[in-house]
Amino acid sequence: MRIERDPSGDFILESGEIADRFGLSRDDFRQRIRQGLVASRVERGEAEDAGTSRLSIRLGNRLWQAILSNEDEVQSETVTFVRGQGQVHRSGDRKG
């Protein structure tokens, strides 16, 4: 997966690649974005993780997360299923 940054430093992800992670077509994924059903978050690493980032995208009960190196390269990614309030069930790991 290729992740870039725009001039202001925000991450840019290819919607087709993210849609694939959720088992959707690009059009279906974009429709869910327009409906406000997709949430995202960026967390910056601290201490020994300084310079790294964790990107999270949630769609319903599914959560995709990627850990990026300080060069913005995907080190690992996972898709998990969220149960209830914050409980997470891991469905598999993918390497960048």
C-alpha atoms as a PDB file:
ATOM      1  CA  MET A   1       0.000   0.000   0.000  1.00  0.00           C
ATOM      2  CA  ARG A   2       1.252   3.440  -0.912  1.00  0.00           C
ATOM      3  CA  ILE A   3       0.626   6.297   1.503  1.00  0.00           C
ATOM      4  CA  GLU A   4       1.625   9.847   0.635  1.00  0.00           C
ATOM      5  CA  ARG A   5       1.303  13.259   2.250  1.00  0.00           C
ATOM      6  CA  ASP A   6      -0.170  16.438   0.864  1.00  0.00           C
ATOM      7  CA  PRO A   7       1.673  19.806   1.133  1.00  0.00           C
ATOM      8  CA  SER A   8       0.181  20.434   4.589  1.00  0.00           C
ATOM      9  CA  GLY A   9       1.447  17.051   5.880  1.00  0.00           C
ATOM     10  CA  ASP A  10      -1.907  15.232   5.916  1.00  0.00           C
ATOM     11  CA  PHE A  11      -1.908  11.578   4.835  1.00  0.00           C
ATOM     12  CA  ILE A  12      -3.372  10.646   1.441  1.00  0.00           C
ATOM     13  CA  LEU A  13      -4.668   7.106   0.963  1.00  0.00           C
ATOM     14  CA  GLU A  14      -5.940   5.524  -2.258  1.00  0.00           C
ATOM     15  CA  SER A  15      -9.658   4.890  -1.676  1.00  0.00           C
ATOM     16  CA  GLY A  16      -9.625   1.739  -3.827  1.00  0.00           C
ATOM     17  CA  GLU A  17      -6.963   0.139  -1.646  1.00  0.00           C
ATOM     18  CA  ILE A  18      -8.817   0.964   1.567  1.00  0.00           C
ATOM     19  CA  ALA A  19     -12.108  -0.218   0.030  1.00  0.00           C
ATOM     20  CA  ASP A  20     -10.416  -3.540  -0.751  1.00  0.00           C
ATOM     21  CA  ARG A  21      -9.392  -3.924   2.897  1.00  0.00           C
ATOM     22  CA  PHE A  22     -13.082  -3.664   3.846  1.00  0.00           C
ATOM     23  CA  GLY A  23     -14.227  -5.978   1.043  1.00  0.00           C
ATOM     24  CA  LEU A  24     -16.001  -3.177  -0.845  1.00  0.00           C
ATOM     25  CA  SER A  25     -15.782  -1.651  -4.294  1.00  0.00           C
ATOM     26  CA  ARG A  26     -14.298   1.850  -4.534  1.00  0.00           C
ATOM     27  CA  ASP A  27     -17.763   3.257  -5.362  1.00  0.00           C
ATOM     28  CA  ASP A  28     -19.395   1.527  -2.373  1.00  0.00           C
ATOM     29  CA  PHE A  29     -16.662   2.800  -0.061  1.00  0.00           C
ATOM     30  CA  ARG A  30     -16.974   6.369  -1.374  1.00  0.00           C
ATOM     31  CA  GLN A  31     -20.752   6.187  -0.896  1.00  0.00           C
ATOM     32  CA  ARG A  32     -20.229   5.256   2.764  1.00  0.00           C
ATOM     33  CA  ILE A  33     -17.845   8.207   3.153  1.00  0.00           C
ATOM     34  CA  ARG A  34     -20.528  10.543   1.747  1.00  0.00           C
ATOM     35  CA  GLN A  35     -23.035   9.015   4.183  1.00  0.00           C
ATOM     36  CA  GLY A  36     -20.722   9.832   7.102  1.00  0.00           C
ATOM     37  CA  LEU A  37     -20.173   6.156   7.963  1.00  0.00           C
ATOM     38  CA  VAL A  38     -16.361   6.238   7.775  1.00  0.00           C
ATOM     39  CA  ALA A  39     -14.238   7.674  10.585  1.00  0.00           C
ATOM     40  CA  SER A  40     -10.467   8.086  10.619  1.00  0.00           C
ATOM     41  CA  ARG A  41      -7.775   8.927  13.149  1.00  0.00           C
ATOM     42  CA  VAL A  42      -4.024   9.542  13.117  1.00  0.00           C
ATOM     43  CA  GLU A  43      -1.908   8.928  16.214  1.00  0.00           C
ATOM     44  CA  ARG A  44       1.718  10.017  16.465  1.00  0.00           C
ATOM     45  CA  GLY A  45       4.231   7.786  18.208  1.00  0.00           C
ATOM     46  CA  GLU A  46       5.909   8.970  21.399  1.00  0.00           C
ATOM     47  CA  ALA A  47       9.071   8.008  23.296  1.00  0.00           C
ATOM     48  CA  GLU A  48      10.618   4.936  21.588  1.00  0.00           C
ATOM     49  CA  ASP A  49       7.898   5.150  18.895  1.00  0.00           C
ATOM     50  CA  ALA A  50       8.651   8.799  18.056  1.00  0.00           C
ATOM     51  CA  GLY A  51       8.472   9.461  14.339  1.00  0.00           C
ATOM     52  CA  THR A  52       6.019   6.641  13.654  1.00  0.00           C
ATOM     53  CA  SER A  53       2.279   6.968  13.078  1.00  0.00           C
ATOM     54  CA  ARG A  54      -0.785   4.765  13.429  1.00  0.00           C
ATOM     55  CA  LEU A  55      -3.583   5.342  10.926  1.00  0.00           C
ATOM     56  CA  SER A  56      -7.041   4.008  11.794  1.00  0.00           C
ATOM     57  CA  ILE A  57     -10.162   3.873   9.632  1.00  0.00           C
ATOM     58  CA  ARG A  58     -13.410   2.574  11.062  1.00  0.00           C
ATOM     59  CA  LEU A  59     -16.428   1.463   9.059  1.00  0.00           C
ATOM     60  CA  GLY A  60     -19.239  -0.001  11.138  1.00  0.00           C
ATOM     61  CA  ASN A  61     -17.799  -2.773  13.277  1.00  0.00           C
ATOM     62  CA  ARG A  62     -14.606  -3.060  11.195  1.00  0.00           C
ATOM     63  CA  LEU A  63     -11.355  -1.248  11.942  1.00  0.00           C
ATOM     64  CA  TRP A  64      -8.346  -1.030   9.615  1.00  0.00           C
ATOM     65  CA  GLN A  65      -5.062   0.109  11.189  1.00  0.00           C
ATOM     66  CA  ALA A  66      -1.603   0.640   9.733  1.00  0.00           C
ATOM     67  CA  ILE A  67       1.646   1.379  11.516  1.00  0.00           C
ATOM     68  CA  LEU A  68       3.920   3.666   9.497  1.00  0.00           C
ATOM     69  CA  SER A  69       7.661   4.087   9.862  1.00  0.00           C
ATOM     70  CA  ASN A  70       9.223   7.521  10.203  1.00  0.00           C
ATOM     71  CA  GLU A  71       9.568   7.436   6.373  1.00  0.00           C
ATOM     72  CA  ASP A  72       5.766   6.876   6.076  1.00  0.00           C
ATOM     73  CA  GLU A  73       6.213   3.290   4.873  1.00  0.00           C
ATOM     74  CA  VAL A  74       3.630   0.738   6.020  1.00  0.00           C
ATOM     75  CA  GLN A  75       5.289  -1.563   8.559  1.00  0.00           C
ATOM     76  CA  SER A  76       2.163  -3.580   9.327  1.00  0.00           C
ATOM     77  CA  GLU A  77      -1.579  -3.402   8.905  1.00  0.00           C
ATOM     78  CA  THR A  78      -4.539  -5.203  10.438  1.00  0.00           C
ATOM     79  CA  VAL A  79      -8.272  -5.440   9.983  1.00  0.00           C
ATOM     80  CA  THR A  80     -10.179  -6.108  13.175  1.00  0.00           C
ATOM     81  CA  PHE A  81     -13.792  -6.372  14.239  1.00  0.00           C
ATOM     82  CA  VAL A  82     -14.874  -4.097  17.070  1.00  0.00           C
ATOM     83  CA  ARG A  83     -17.275  -5.581  19.595  1.00  0.00           C
ATOM     84  CA  GLY A  84     -19.209  -3.366  21.973  1.00  0.00           C
ATOM     85  CA  GLN A  85     -17.392  -0.446  23.573  1.00  0.00           C
ATOM     86  CA  GLY A  86     -13.787  -0.651  22.444  1.00  0.00           C
ATOM     87  CA  GLN A  87     -13.304  -4.421  22.454  1.00  0.00           C
ATOM     88  CA  VAL A  88     -11.402  -5.568  19.404  1.00  0.00           C
ATOM     89  CA  HIS A  89     -11.214  -9.009  17.769  1.00  0.00           C
ATOM     90  CA  ARG A  90      -8.305  -9.485  15.350  1.00  0.00           C
ATOM     91  CA  SER A  91      -9.193 -11.135  12.046  1.00  0.00           C
ATOM     92  CA  GLY A  92      -5.745 -11.153  10.481  1.00  0.00           C
ATOM     93  CA  ASP A  93      -2.537  -9.291   9.886  1.00  0.00           C
ATOM     94  CA  ARG A  94      -1.110  -8.005   6.644  1.00  0.00           C
ATOM     95  CA  LYS A  95       2.396  -6.859   5.984  1.00  0.00           C
ATOM     96  CA  GLY A  96       2.838  -3.662   3.942  1.00  0.00           C
END
